[in-house]
Amino acid sequence: MPIYEYQCKACGQRLEKLQKISAEPLTQCPACDEQALTRLVSAAGFRLAGGGWYETDFKSGAKKNLANGDTSTAPKASDSSTSSN
C-alpha cells in the first residue's frame, strides 16, 4: 500500500496516510476539521539497489549510464595481459 501525502488548504497542516490505491482521498483535516485536504504529488521514497539493469543508469561522471551501450567509459584490459612473454 502506498503512503500518500496531504496538505490542508485552510490551516497548512501536512500529514501522511497509508492507504489502498483504490481508497478515496481524504478530505477532512484532523487538525482543524475543515474539508480542505488535498493530496500532494511527491517523489517516490525508495531506491533500487543491487546488481540489476538499473545499477549503472544513475551514476555520474566516468561511471555514467553504461546500460545504454556506451563502452567508452568501461574498464579496458591492460596491454600486458594480452601480450605473450
N, C-alpha and C. Protein backbone atom coordinates (compact mmCIF):
# COMPACT_ATOMS: atom_id res chain seq x y z
N MET A 1 0.84 -1.18 0.00
CA MET A 1 0.00 0.00 0.00
C MET A 1 0.88 1.24 0.00
N PRO A 2 0.54 2.21 -0.81
CA PRO A 2 1.34 3.44 -0.86
C PRO A 2 1.03 4.39 0.30
N ILE A 3 1.98 5.25 0.57
CA ILE A 3 1.81 6.31 1.56
C ILE A 3 1.53 7.59 0.80
N TYR A 4 0.40 8.22 1.08
CA TYR A 4 0.02 9.46 0.42
C TYR A 4 0.28 10.64 1.35
N GLU A 5 0.70 11.76 0.74
CA GLU A 5 0.91 13.00 1.48
C GLU A 5 -0.26 13.92 1.22
N TYR A 6 -0.72 14.57 2.27
CA TYR A 6 -1.83 15.52 2.18
C TYR A 6 -1.43 16.84 2.82
N GLN A 7 -2.06 17.92 2.36
CA GLN A 7 -1.88 19.23 2.98
C GLN A 7 -3.24 19.93 3.03
N CYS A 8 -3.52 20.57 4.18
CA CYS A 8 -4.77 21.29 4.36
C CYS A 8 -4.63 22.69 3.78
N LYS A 9 -5.59 23.07 2.93
CA LYS A 9 -5.58 24.42 2.36
C LYS A 9 -5.98 25.47 3.39
N ALA A 10 -6.69 25.06 4.44
CA ALA A 10 -7.16 26.01 5.45
C ALA A 10 -6.08 26.35 6.48
N CYS A 11 -5.45 25.32 7.06
CA CYS A 11 -4.51 25.58 8.15
C CYS A 11 -3.05 25.26 7.80
N GLY A 12 -2.81 24.61 6.66
CA GLY A 12 -1.44 24.29 6.25
C GLY A 12 -0.89 23.00 6.83
N GLN A 13 -1.67 22.31 7.64
CA GLN A 13 -1.24 21.04 8.25
C GLN A 13 -0.86 20.03 7.16
N ARG A 14 0.27 19.35 7.34
CA ARG A 14 0.69 18.29 6.41
C ARG A 14 0.67 16.97 7.14
N LEU A 15 0.27 15.91 6.43
CA LEU A 15 0.24 14.58 7.04
C LEU A 15 0.46 13.52 5.98
N GLU A 16 0.82 12.33 6.43
CA GLU A 16 0.99 11.17 5.57
C GLU A 16 -0.01 10.12 6.01
N LYS A 17 -0.55 9.37 5.03
CA LYS A 17 -1.54 8.35 5.35
C LYS A 17 -1.29 7.13 4.48
N LEU A 18 -1.20 5.96 5.10
CA LEU A 18 -1.07 4.69 4.40
C LEU A 18 -2.45 4.28 3.93
N GLN A 19 -2.66 4.20 2.61
CA GLN A 19 -3.98 3.88 2.06
C GLN A 19 -3.86 2.93 0.88
N LYS A 20 -4.94 2.21 0.61
CA LYS A 20 -5.02 1.41 -0.60
C LYS A 20 -5.11 2.35 -1.79
N ILE A 21 -4.66 1.88 -2.93
CA ILE A 21 -4.73 2.69 -4.15
C ILE A 21 -6.19 2.98 -4.49
N SER A 22 -7.07 2.04 -4.23
CA SER A 22 -8.48 2.20 -4.57
C SER A 22 -9.26 3.05 -3.56
N ALA A 23 -8.64 3.41 -2.44
CA ALA A 23 -9.32 4.20 -1.40
C ALA A 23 -9.56 5.63 -1.87
N GLU A 24 -10.66 6.21 -1.43
CA GLU A 24 -10.98 7.60 -1.74
C GLU A 24 -9.99 8.52 -1.01
N PRO A 25 -9.58 9.62 -1.65
CA PRO A 25 -8.67 10.56 -0.97
C PRO A 25 -9.32 11.17 0.26
N LEU A 26 -8.51 11.47 1.26
CA LEU A 26 -9.01 12.13 2.46
C LEU A 26 -9.39 13.57 2.13
N THR A 27 -10.39 14.09 2.82
CA THR A 27 -10.81 15.48 2.59
C THR A 27 -10.86 16.29 3.88
N GLN A 28 -11.11 15.61 5.02
CA GLN A 28 -11.26 16.33 6.29
C GLN A 28 -9.93 16.39 7.03
N CYS A 29 -9.53 17.60 7.38
CA CYS A 29 -8.28 17.81 8.10
C CYS A 29 -8.45 17.40 9.57
N PRO A 30 -7.55 16.57 10.10
CA PRO A 30 -7.64 16.18 11.51
C PRO A 30 -7.28 17.31 12.47
N ALA A 31 -6.55 18.33 12.00
CA ALA A 31 -6.13 19.43 12.86
C ALA A 31 -7.22 20.49 13.03
N CYS A 32 -7.87 20.87 11.93
CA CYS A 32 -8.84 21.97 12.01
C CYS A 32 -10.27 21.56 11.65
N ASP A 33 -10.49 20.30 11.29
CA ASP A 33 -11.80 19.74 10.93
C ASP A 33 -12.43 20.37 9.69
N GLU A 34 -11.67 21.09 8.88
CA GLU A 34 -12.19 21.66 7.63
C GLU A 34 -12.11 20.60 6.52
N GLN A 35 -12.97 20.71 5.53
CA GLN A 35 -12.95 19.82 4.37
C GLN A 35 -12.01 20.42 3.32
N ALA A 36 -10.74 20.53 3.64
CA ALA A 36 -9.80 21.26 2.79
C ALA A 36 -8.50 20.50 2.51
N LEU A 37 -8.48 19.17 2.72
CA LEU A 37 -7.26 18.40 2.45
C LEU A 37 -7.11 18.16 0.95
N THR A 38 -5.91 18.30 0.47
CA THR A 38 -5.59 17.95 -0.91
C THR A 38 -4.40 17.00 -0.91
N ARG A 39 -4.44 16.05 -1.83
CA ARG A 39 -3.36 15.08 -1.96
C ARG A 39 -2.21 15.73 -2.72
N LEU A 40 -1.00 15.58 -2.21
CA LEU A 40 0.18 16.16 -2.84
C LEU A 40 0.86 15.14 -3.74
N VAL A 41 1.55 15.62 -4.72
CA VAL A 41 2.37 14.78 -5.58
C VAL A 41 3.79 14.85 -5.03
N SER A 42 4.36 13.70 -4.71
CA SER A 42 5.71 13.70 -4.14
C SER A 42 6.54 12.61 -4.79
N ALA A 43 7.83 12.68 -4.59
CA ALA A 43 8.76 11.70 -5.14
C ALA A 43 8.64 10.38 -4.41
N ALA A 44 8.97 9.33 -5.11
CA ALA A 44 8.96 8.01 -4.50
C ALA A 44 10.00 7.94 -3.39
N GLY A 45 9.68 7.24 -2.33
CA GLY A 45 10.58 7.14 -1.19
C GLY A 45 11.34 5.85 -1.13
N PHE A 46 11.85 5.37 -2.26
CA PHE A 46 12.64 4.15 -2.25
C PHE A 46 13.77 4.26 -3.26
N ARG A 47 14.75 3.38 -3.10
CA ARG A 47 15.90 3.37 -4.00
C ARG A 47 16.14 1.95 -4.46
N LEU A 48 16.28 1.77 -5.77
CA LEU A 48 16.60 0.46 -6.30
C LEU A 48 18.08 0.22 -6.08
N ALA A 49 18.43 -0.94 -5.55
CA ALA A 49 19.82 -1.25 -5.30
C ALA A 49 20.08 -2.71 -5.64
N GLY A 50 21.28 -3.00 -5.99
CA GLY A 50 21.62 -4.38 -6.31
C GLY A 50 22.32 -4.49 -7.65
N GLY A 51 22.31 -5.66 -8.21
CA GLY A 51 23.02 -5.91 -9.45
C GLY A 51 22.13 -5.93 -10.67
N GLY A 52 21.00 -5.27 -10.67
CA GLY A 52 20.08 -5.27 -11.80
C GLY A 52 20.46 -4.32 -12.90
N TRP A 53 19.62 -4.20 -13.92
CA TRP A 53 19.87 -3.36 -15.09
C TRP A 53 20.01 -1.89 -14.73
N TYR A 54 19.42 -1.48 -13.62
CA TYR A 54 19.40 -0.08 -13.22
C TYR A 54 20.66 0.33 -12.46
N GLU A 55 21.53 -0.62 -12.18
CA GLU A 55 22.70 -0.34 -11.35
C GLU A 55 23.57 0.78 -11.91
N THR A 56 23.71 0.85 -13.23
CA THR A 56 24.57 1.85 -13.83
C THR A 56 23.79 2.99 -14.48
N ASP A 57 22.49 2.99 -14.42
CA ASP A 57 21.68 4.01 -15.08
C ASP A 57 21.76 5.37 -14.43
N PHE A 58 22.05 5.45 -13.15
CA PHE A 58 22.01 6.72 -12.44
C PHE A 58 23.35 7.10 -11.83
N LYS A 59 24.41 6.70 -12.46
CA LYS A 59 25.75 7.04 -11.99
C LYS A 59 26.16 8.39 -12.56
N SER A 60 27.19 8.96 -12.01
CA SER A 60 27.68 10.24 -12.53
C SER A 60 29.13 10.10 -12.96
N GLY A 61 29.58 11.06 -13.73
CA GLY A 61 30.98 11.09 -14.15
C GLY A 61 31.36 9.94 -15.05
N ALA A 62 32.48 9.31 -14.77
CA ALA A 62 33.00 8.25 -15.61
C ALA A 62 32.16 6.97 -15.56
N LYS A 63 31.33 6.84 -14.56
CA LYS A 63 30.51 5.64 -14.41
C LYS A 63 29.10 5.82 -14.99
N LYS A 64 28.87 6.89 -15.73
CA LYS A 64 27.53 7.26 -16.16
C LYS A 64 26.98 6.35 -17.26
N ASN A 65 25.82 5.83 -17.04
CA ASN A 65 24.96 5.13 -18.00
C ASN A 65 25.66 4.14 -18.91
N LEU A 66 26.24 3.12 -18.35
CA LEU A 66 26.85 2.06 -19.13
C LEU A 66 25.79 1.16 -19.76
N ALA A 67 24.57 1.20 -19.29
CA ALA A 67 23.49 0.35 -19.79
C ALA A 67 23.05 0.75 -21.19
N ASN A 68 23.35 1.94 -21.65
CA ASN A 68 22.98 2.38 -23.00
C ASN A 68 23.91 1.83 -24.06
N GLY A 69 24.88 1.06 -23.68
CA GLY A 69 25.81 0.51 -24.63
C GLY A 69 27.04 1.38 -24.83
N ASP A 70 27.17 2.44 -24.09
CA ASP A 70 28.33 3.31 -24.18
C ASP A 70 29.49 2.63 -23.46
N THR A 71 30.41 2.11 -24.23
CA THR A 71 31.53 1.38 -23.63
C THR A 71 32.77 2.24 -23.52
N SER A 72 32.66 3.52 -23.86
CA SER A 72 33.84 4.39 -23.80
C SER A 72 34.35 4.58 -22.38
N THR A 73 33.50 4.42 -21.39
CA THR A 73 33.94 4.58 -20.01
C THR A 73 34.13 3.23 -19.32
N ALA A 74 33.94 2.14 -20.05
CA ALA A 74 34.10 0.82 -19.46
C ALA A 74 35.58 0.55 -19.22
N PRO A 75 35.92 -0.24 -18.18
CA PRO A 75 37.32 -0.56 -17.92
C PRO A 75 37.91 -1.33 -19.10
N LYS A 76 39.13 -1.03 -19.47
CA LYS A 76 39.80 -1.70 -20.57
C LYS A 76 40.86 -2.65 -20.04
N ALA A 77 41.04 -3.74 -20.74
CA ALA A 77 42.07 -4.70 -20.35
C ALA A 77 43.44 -4.10 -20.63
N SER A 78 44.40 -4.37 -19.77
CA SER A 78 45.74 -3.81 -19.98
C SER A 78 46.45 -4.57 -21.09
N ASP A 79 47.36 -3.89 -21.77
CA ASP A 79 48.10 -4.50 -22.87
C ASP A 79 49.00 -5.63 -22.40
N SER A 80 49.47 -5.56 -21.17
CA SER A 80 50.40 -6.58 -20.67
C SER A 80 49.72 -7.92 -20.49
N SER A 81 48.41 -7.94 -20.27
CA SER A 81 47.72 -9.21 -20.06
C SER A 81 47.49 -9.94 -21.38
N THR A 82 47.51 -9.20 -22.51
CA THR A 82 47.27 -9.85 -23.80
C THR A 82 48.54 -10.14 -24.56
N SER A 83 49.68 -9.65 -24.12
CA SER A 83 50.94 -9.89 -24.83
C SER A 83 51.55 -11.21 -24.37
N SER A 84 52.29 -11.83 -25.25
CA SER A 84 52.93 -13.10 -24.88
C SER A 84 54.33 -12.82 -24.33
N ASN A 85 54.77 -13.66 -23.40
CA ASN A 85 56.09 -13.49 -22.79
C ASN A 85 57.06 -14.45 -23.36
